[in-house]
């Protein structure tokens, strides 16, 4: 019985790094500095003020909602309808 338990523990130890490596490979490409600056410019145009730290969560969420609404109205950006996949 102990050998079966040892074999199961050893298999789990070997499987965990393989599973975590597979998850890393499916992630998107890293965001470039230019992409971050463009997104910040869009948020500022939508009303986000990075210096307004008193209303931080609300003001950036409102600006993000405006940007997403503009993307949906213009037809640019990813599709917001359809199916989605979960990693869990």
Protein backbone atom coordinates (compact mmCIF):
# COMPACT_ATOMS: atom_id res chain seq x y z
CA UNK A 1 0.00 0.00 0.00
CA UNK A 2 2.85 2.38 0.77
CA UNK A 3 4.34 1.86 -2.67
CA UNK A 4 1.05 2.85 -4.32
CA UNK A 5 0.89 6.00 -2.20
CA UNK A 6 4.50 6.85 -3.03
CA UNK A 7 3.81 6.31 -6.73
CA UNK A 8 0.76 8.58 -6.60
CA UNK A 9 2.70 11.34 -4.81
CA UNK A 10 5.56 11.04 -7.28
CA UNK A 11 3.15 11.23 -10.23
CA UNK A 12 1.53 14.34 -8.74
CA UNK A 13 4.92 15.99 -8.23
CA UNK A 14 5.84 15.32 -11.84
CA UNK A 15 2.45 16.38 -13.25
CA UNK A 16 2.15 19.76 -11.49
CA UNK A 17 5.04 21.50 -13.34
CA UNK A 18 3.84 20.11 -16.66
CA UNK A 19 0.33 21.49 -16.12
CA UNK A 20 1.60 24.91 -15.02
CA UNK A 21 3.91 25.08 -18.05
CA UNK A 22 0.98 24.34 -20.36
CA UNK A 23 -0.97 27.24 -18.83
CA UNK A 24 1.89 29.68 -19.40
CA UNK A 25 2.08 28.73 -23.07
CA UNK A 26 -1.60 29.61 -23.71
CA UNK A 27 -1.36 33.20 -22.45
CA UNK A 28 -1.49 36.15 -24.83
CA UNK A 29 1.56 38.05 -26.00
CA UNK A 30 2.92 40.69 -23.63
CA UNK A 31 1.56 44.20 -24.00
CA UNK A 32 3.96 46.73 -25.50
CA UNK A 33 4.66 50.16 -24.07
CA UNK A 34 2.99 51.77 -27.09
CA UNK A 35 -0.17 49.75 -26.49
CA UNK A 36 -0.29 50.83 -22.84
CA UNK A 37 0.19 54.48 -23.80
CA UNK A 38 -2.56 54.24 -26.45
CA UNK A 39 -4.95 52.68 -23.93
CA UNK A 40 -4.17 55.40 -21.38
CA UNK A 41 -4.82 58.07 -24.03
CA UNK A 42 -8.19 56.47 -24.78
CA UNK A 43 -9.07 56.41 -21.08
CA UNK A 44 -8.08 60.06 -20.65
CA UNK A 45 -10.20 61.00 -23.65
CA UNK A 46 -13.11 59.16 -22.02
CA UNK A 47 -12.76 61.24 -18.84
CA UNK A 48 -10.25 59.33 -16.71
CA UNK A 49 -8.03 61.53 -14.55
CA UNK A 50 -5.05 59.62 -13.13
CA UNK A 51 -4.49 62.38 -10.57
CA UNK A 52 -7.96 61.94 -9.03
CA UNK A 53 -7.00 59.28 -6.51
CA UNK A 54 -9.99 60.06 -4.25
CA UNK A 55 -12.37 58.46 -6.77
CA UNK A 56 -9.95 55.91 -8.22
CA UNK A 57 -12.00 52.78 -8.72
CA UNK A 58 -15.09 54.60 -9.90
CA UNK A 59 -13.48 56.99 -12.38
CA UNK A 60 -11.38 54.38 -14.21
CA UNK A 61 -14.28 51.94 -14.35
CA UNK A 62 -16.52 54.63 -15.84
CA UNK A 63 -13.86 55.54 -18.41
CA UNK A 64 -13.33 51.87 -19.32
CA UNK A 65 -17.09 51.45 -19.78
CA UNK A 66 -17.13 54.48 -22.11
CA UNK A 67 -14.21 53.13 -24.14
CA UNK A 68 -15.87 49.72 -24.45
CA UNK A 69 -19.15 51.35 -25.48
CA UNK A 70 -17.31 53.34 -28.16
CA UNK A 71 -15.60 50.20 -29.44
CA UNK A 72 -18.95 48.43 -29.65
CA UNK A 73 -20.55 51.36 -31.47
CA UNK A 74 -17.78 51.63 -34.07
CA UNK A 75 -17.44 47.90 -34.68
CA UNK A 76 -13.76 47.81 -33.77
CA UNK A 77 -12.28 45.55 -31.14
CA UNK A 78 -13.13 42.02 -30.13
CA UNK A 79 -16.62 40.60 -30.38
CA UNK A 80 -18.68 41.06 -27.22
CA UNK A 81 -21.26 38.43 -28.14
CA UNK A 82 -20.90 34.72 -28.53
CA UNK A 83 -19.32 32.09 -26.36
CA UNK A 84 -16.40 32.26 -24.02
CA UNK A 85 -14.02 29.73 -22.55
CA UNK A 86 -12.98 29.42 -18.95
CA UNK A 87 -9.73 28.00 -17.71
CA UNK A 88 -11.48 26.27 -14.82
